Amino acid sequence: MNFAAVREILDAIEIPYTLNDRLVRGLDYYMRTAFEFTHGALGAQNAILGGGRYDGLSEALGGPHAPGIGFAIGEDRLVMSLPQSAESAIRKPDVYIAPLARA
């Protein structure tokens, strides 16, 4: 049910995604939906960030009931992905007007 609701939201706002039934986050406290953002130009280690839902983590650590969501970013991979992504995202201006004034 939750997975279908997440997919409906992504579809409604036209965010592209790929289903991967072999995705493993490596942390057993995640439950329900896990996610990972990848960049095709980074080779075999292409994950930039990943995370998921964890409702029982606080209790497992002796804390109160505190459902949540978390993620981790590989800063080095994020930085490596920027040159390729920034060029396609930045539209160069057709005209630039520089105001000149006397002090």
N, C-alpha and C. Protein backbone atom coordinates (compact mmCIF):
# COMPACT_ATOMS: atom_id res chain seq x y z
N MET A 1 0.83 -1.19 0.00
CA MET A 1 0.00 0.00 0.00
C MET A 1 0.88 1.26 0.00
N ASN A 2 1.83 1.36 0.89
CA ASN A 2 2.70 2.52 0.98
C ASN A 2 3.51 2.70 -0.31
N PHE A 3 4.04 1.60 -0.83
CA PHE A 3 4.84 1.65 -2.05
C PHE A 3 4.02 2.19 -3.21
N ALA A 4 2.79 1.74 -3.33
CA ALA A 4 1.91 2.23 -4.40
C ALA A 4 1.64 3.72 -4.23
N ALA A 5 1.46 4.18 -3.00
CA ALA A 5 1.20 5.60 -2.75
C ALA A 5 2.42 6.45 -3.12
N VAL A 6 3.62 5.99 -2.82
CA VAL A 6 4.84 6.71 -3.18
C VAL A 6 4.94 6.80 -4.70
N ARG A 7 4.69 5.72 -5.39
CA ARG A 7 4.75 5.72 -6.86
C ARG A 7 3.70 6.65 -7.46
N GLU A 8 2.51 6.70 -6.88
CA GLU A 8 1.46 7.59 -7.38
C GLU A 8 1.89 9.05 -7.26
N ILE A 9 2.52 9.40 -6.15
CA ILE A 9 2.99 10.78 -5.95
C ILE A 9 4.07 11.12 -6.96
N LEU A 10 5.05 10.24 -7.12
CA LEU A 10 6.12 10.48 -8.09
C LEU A 10 5.58 10.62 -9.50
N ASP A 11 4.62 9.77 -9.85
CA ASP A 11 4.02 9.86 -11.18
C ASP A 11 3.24 11.16 -11.36
N ALA A 12 2.51 11.57 -10.32
CA ALA A 12 1.67 12.77 -10.41
C ALA A 12 2.51 14.03 -10.62
N ILE A 13 3.69 14.07 -10.03
CA ILE A 13 4.54 15.26 -10.19
C ILE A 13 5.65 15.02 -11.21
N GLU A 14 5.51 13.95 -11.95
CA GLU A 14 6.37 13.62 -13.09
C GLU A 14 7.85 13.55 -12.73
N ILE A 15 8.16 12.89 -11.62
CA ILE A 15 9.55 12.62 -11.26
C ILE A 15 9.90 11.24 -11.79
N PRO A 16 10.89 11.16 -12.68
CA PRO A 16 11.25 9.84 -13.23
C PRO A 16 11.95 8.98 -12.18
N TYR A 17 11.71 7.70 -12.23
CA TYR A 17 12.35 6.77 -11.31
C TYR A 17 12.45 5.41 -11.97
N THR A 18 13.29 4.56 -11.41
CA THR A 18 13.45 3.19 -11.89
C THR A 18 13.22 2.25 -10.73
N LEU A 19 12.40 1.25 -10.92
CA LEU A 19 12.20 0.24 -9.88
C LEU A 19 13.35 -0.75 -9.91
N ASN A 20 13.89 -1.05 -8.74
CA ASN A 20 15.01 -1.98 -8.65
C ASN A 20 14.74 -2.90 -7.47
N ASP A 21 14.28 -4.11 -7.76
CA ASP A 21 13.96 -5.05 -6.69
C ASP A 21 15.21 -5.66 -6.05
N ARG A 22 16.39 -5.29 -6.53
CA ARG A 22 17.64 -5.78 -5.95
C ARG A 22 18.35 -4.71 -5.12
N LEU A 23 17.70 -3.55 -4.92
CA LEU A 23 18.29 -2.48 -4.13
C LEU A 23 18.43 -2.92 -2.69
N VAL A 24 19.63 -2.81 -2.17
CA VAL A 24 19.90 -3.17 -0.78
C VAL A 24 20.64 -2.01 -0.14
N ARG A 25 20.07 -1.44 0.89
CA ARG A 25 20.70 -0.31 1.55
C ARG A 25 21.75 -0.75 2.56
N GLY A 26 21.73 -1.99 3.01
CA GLY A 26 22.78 -2.47 3.90
C GLY A 26 22.55 -2.15 5.36
N LEU A 27 21.46 -1.53 5.69
CA LEU A 27 21.13 -1.22 7.08
C LEU A 27 19.78 -1.83 7.38
N ASP A 28 19.73 -2.74 8.34
CA ASP A 28 18.51 -3.51 8.55
C ASP A 28 17.41 -2.76 9.28
N TYR A 29 17.62 -1.52 9.71
CA TYR A 29 16.54 -0.80 10.37
C TYR A 29 15.62 -0.07 9.38
N TYR A 30 15.95 -0.07 8.10
CA TYR A 30 15.04 0.53 7.13
C TYR A 30 13.81 -0.34 6.96
N MET A 31 12.67 0.29 6.76
CA MET A 31 11.43 -0.44 6.50
C MET A 31 10.65 0.29 5.42
N ARG A 32 9.72 -0.37 4.84
CA ARG A 32 8.92 0.16 3.74
C ARG A 32 9.81 0.63 2.60
N THR A 33 9.74 1.90 2.20
CA THR A 33 10.42 2.36 0.99
C THR A 33 11.86 2.77 1.27
N ALA A 34 12.78 2.25 0.48
CA ALA A 34 14.18 2.69 0.50
C ALA A 34 14.44 3.36 -0.85
N PHE A 35 15.40 4.28 -0.88
CA PHE A 35 15.67 4.99 -2.13
C PHE A 35 17.16 5.23 -2.30
N GLU A 36 17.53 5.46 -3.53
CA GLU A 36 18.92 5.73 -3.86
C GLU A 36 18.95 6.61 -5.11
N PHE A 37 19.77 7.66 -5.08
CA PHE A 37 19.97 8.52 -6.24
C PHE A 37 21.33 8.17 -6.83
N THR A 38 21.35 7.93 -8.14
CA THR A 38 22.58 7.56 -8.81
C THR A 38 22.87 8.53 -9.95
N HIS A 39 24.10 8.49 -10.41
CA HIS A 39 24.50 9.34 -11.54
C HIS A 39 25.26 8.45 -12.52
N GLY A 40 24.82 8.42 -13.76
CA GLY A 40 25.36 7.51 -14.75
C GLY A 40 26.82 7.72 -15.11
N ALA A 41 27.36 8.91 -14.86
CA ALA A 41 28.74 9.20 -15.26
C ALA A 41 29.76 8.83 -14.19
N LEU A 42 29.33 8.20 -13.10
CA LEU A 42 30.26 7.89 -12.01
C LEU A 42 30.78 6.47 -12.02
N GLY A 43 30.43 5.69 -12.99
CA GLY A 43 30.94 4.33 -13.08
C GLY A 43 30.20 3.37 -12.17
N ALA A 44 30.92 2.34 -11.72
CA ALA A 44 30.31 1.27 -10.92
C ALA A 44 29.82 1.76 -9.57
N GLN A 45 30.51 2.72 -8.98
CA GLN A 45 30.10 3.27 -7.68
C GLN A 45 29.35 4.57 -7.94
N ASN A 46 28.13 4.44 -8.46
CA ASN A 46 27.40 5.60 -8.94
C ASN A 46 26.36 6.16 -7.98
N ALA A 47 26.26 5.64 -6.77
CA ALA A 47 25.27 6.14 -5.81
C ALA A 47 25.74 7.46 -5.22
N ILE A 48 24.89 8.47 -5.32
CA ILE A 48 25.20 9.78 -4.74
C ILE A 48 24.61 9.88 -3.33
N LEU A 49 23.38 9.43 -3.16
CA LEU A 49 22.77 9.42 -1.84
C LEU A 49 21.76 8.30 -1.75
N GLY A 50 21.48 7.88 -0.55
CA GLY A 50 20.51 6.81 -0.35
C GLY A 50 19.95 6.87 1.05
N GLY A 51 18.79 6.30 1.22
CA GLY A 51 18.17 6.30 2.54
C GLY A 51 16.87 5.55 2.52
N GLY A 52 16.04 5.85 3.51
CA GLY A 52 14.76 5.17 3.59
C GLY A 52 14.02 5.51 4.86
N ARG A 53 12.93 4.83 5.04
CA ARG A 53 12.04 5.00 6.19
C ARG A 53 12.51 4.09 7.31
N TYR A 54 12.55 4.62 8.53
CA TYR A 54 12.85 3.78 9.68
C TYR A 54 11.97 4.19 10.85
N ASP A 55 11.05 3.31 11.20
CA ASP A 55 10.11 3.62 12.27
C ASP A 55 10.56 3.09 13.62
N GLY A 56 11.37 2.06 13.67
CA GLY A 56 11.72 1.45 14.95
C GLY A 56 13.12 1.76 15.44
N LEU A 57 13.87 2.61 14.76
CA LEU A 57 15.26 2.85 15.12
C LEU A 57 15.41 3.49 16.49
N SER A 58 14.62 4.50 16.79
CA SER A 58 14.72 5.19 18.08
C SER A 58 14.47 4.21 19.23
N GLU A 59 13.44 3.40 19.11
CA GLU A 59 13.15 2.42 20.17
C GLU A 59 14.27 1.40 20.30
N ALA A 60 14.85 0.98 19.18
CA ALA A 60 15.93 0.00 19.21
C ALA A 60 17.15 0.55 19.95
N LEU A 61 17.29 1.86 19.95
CA LEU A 61 18.41 2.50 20.65
C LEU A 61 18.04 2.96 22.05
N GLY A 62 16.83 2.56 22.52
CA GLY A 62 16.40 2.89 23.87
C GLY A 62 15.66 4.21 23.99
N GLY A 63 15.28 4.80 22.88
CA GLY A 63 14.58 6.09 22.89
C GLY A 63 13.09 5.93 22.74
N PRO A 64 12.40 7.06 22.62
CA PRO A 64 10.94 7.03 22.46
C PRO A 64 10.55 6.64 21.03
N HIS A 65 9.26 6.39 20.86
CA HIS A 65 8.74 6.11 19.53
C HIS A 65 8.90 7.37 18.69
N ALA A 66 9.67 7.31 17.62
CA ALA A 66 9.93 8.47 16.77
C ALA A 66 10.15 8.01 15.33
N PRO A 67 9.05 7.74 14.60
CA PRO A 67 9.23 7.33 13.21
C PRO A 67 9.91 8.42 12.41
N GLY A 68 10.63 8.03 11.39
CA GLY A 68 11.33 9.04 10.60
C GLY A 68 11.84 8.52 9.29
N ILE A 69 12.53 9.40 8.61
CA ILE A 69 13.17 9.08 7.35
C ILE A 69 14.58 9.66 7.40
N GLY A 70 15.52 8.98 6.79
CA GLY A 70 16.89 9.47 6.82
C GLY A 70 17.62 9.14 5.54
N PHE A 71 18.73 9.82 5.35
CA PHE A 71 19.54 9.56 4.16
C PHE A 71 20.98 9.96 4.45
N ALA A 72 21.86 9.48 3.63
CA ALA A 72 23.28 9.84 3.70
C ALA A 72 23.74 10.23 2.31
N ILE A 73 24.61 11.23 2.24
CA ILE A 73 25.13 11.70 0.97
C ILE A 73 26.62 11.41 0.90
N GLY A 74 27.06 10.85 -0.21
CA GLY A 74 28.49 10.70 -0.47
C GLY A 74 28.98 12.01 -1.08
N GLU A 75 29.53 12.88 -0.25
CA GLU A 75 29.91 14.21 -0.73
C GLU A 75 30.90 14.16 -1.89
N ASP A 76 31.84 13.22 -1.83
CA ASP A 76 32.81 13.14 -2.93
C ASP A 76 32.12 12.79 -4.24
N ARG A 77 31.15 11.88 -4.20
CA ARG A 77 30.43 11.51 -5.42
C ARG A 77 29.52 12.65 -5.89
N LEU A 78 28.94 13.36 -4.94
CA LEU A 78 28.11 14.50 -5.29
C LEU A 78 28.94 15.55 -6.03
N VAL A 79 30.11 15.86 -5.51
CA VAL A 79 30.98 16.84 -6.14
C VAL A 79 31.43 16.36 -7.52
N MET A 80 31.76 15.07 -7.63
CA MET A 80 32.18 14.54 -8.93
C MET A 80 31.05 14.61 -9.97
N SER A 81 29.80 14.56 -9.54
CA SER A 81 28.69 14.59 -10.47
C SER A 81 28.32 16.00 -10.91
N LEU A 82 28.75 17.00 -10.20
CA LEU A 82 28.34 18.37 -10.50
C LEU A 82 28.82 18.89 -11.86
N PRO A 83 30.05 18.72 -12.26
CA PRO A 83 30.45 19.28 -13.56
C PRO A 83 29.58 18.77 -14.72
N GLN A 84 29.25 17.51 -14.72
CA GLN A 84 28.42 16.97 -15.79
C GLN A 84 27.00 17.50 -15.68
N SER A 85 26.45 17.60 -14.48
CA SER A 85 25.07 18.01 -14.28
C SER A 85 24.91 19.51 -14.41
N ALA A 86 25.85 20.29 -13.90
CA ALA A 86 25.72 21.73 -13.89
C ALA A 86 25.67 22.30 -15.30
N GLU A 87 26.45 21.76 -16.19
CA GLU A 87 26.50 22.28 -17.56
C GLU A 87 25.15 22.13 -18.25
N SER A 88 24.47 21.02 -18.00
CA SER A 88 23.19 20.81 -18.66
C SER A 88 22.07 21.58 -17.97
N ALA A 89 22.24 21.95 -16.71
CA ALA A 89 21.20 22.65 -15.97
C ALA A 89 21.28 24.16 -16.10
N ILE A 90 22.45 24.67 -16.40
CA ILE A 90 22.64 26.12 -16.47
C ILE A 90 22.39 26.59 -17.90
N ARG A 91 21.48 27.51 -18.03
CA ARG A 91 21.21 28.11 -19.34
C ARG A 91 22.00 29.41 -19.40
N LYS A 92 22.83 29.52 -20.36
CA LYS A 92 23.64 30.72 -20.52
C LYS A 92 22.76 31.86 -21.05
N PRO A 93 22.98 33.07 -20.58
CA PRO A 93 22.13 34.19 -21.02
C PRO A 93 22.37 34.54 -22.49
N ASP A 94 21.30 34.97 -23.14
CA ASP A 94 21.41 35.45 -24.51
C ASP A 94 21.97 36.87 -24.54
N VAL A 95 21.61 37.65 -23.53
CA VAL A 95 22.04 39.04 -23.44
C VAL A 95 22.37 39.36 -21.99
N TYR A 96 23.41 40.14 -21.80
CA TYR A 96 23.76 40.60 -20.45
C TYR A 96 23.87 42.12 -20.49
N ILE A 97 23.14 42.78 -19.62
CA ILE A 97 23.18 44.24 -19.55
C ILE A 97 23.90 44.62 -18.27
N ALA A 98 24.99 45.38 -18.44
CA ALA A 98 25.78 45.82 -17.29
C ALA A 98 25.52 47.30 -17.06
N PRO A 99 24.87 47.66 -15.98
CA PRO A 99 24.61 49.08 -15.71
C PRO A 99 25.92 49.80 -15.37
N LEU A 100 26.10 50.97 -15.92
CA LEU A 100 27.26 51.79 -15.65
C LEU A 100 26.80 53.07 -14.96
N ALA A 101 27.52 53.46 -13.95
CA ALA A 101 27.16 54.69 -13.23
C ALA A 101 28.43 55.36 -12.75
N ARG A 102 28.37 56.66 -12.59
CA ARG A 102 29.49 57.40 -12.05
C ARG A 102 29.32 57.55 -10.55
N ALA A 103 30.42 57.40 -9.87
CA ALA A 103 30.36 57.52 -8.41
C ALA A 103 30.40 58.95 -7.96
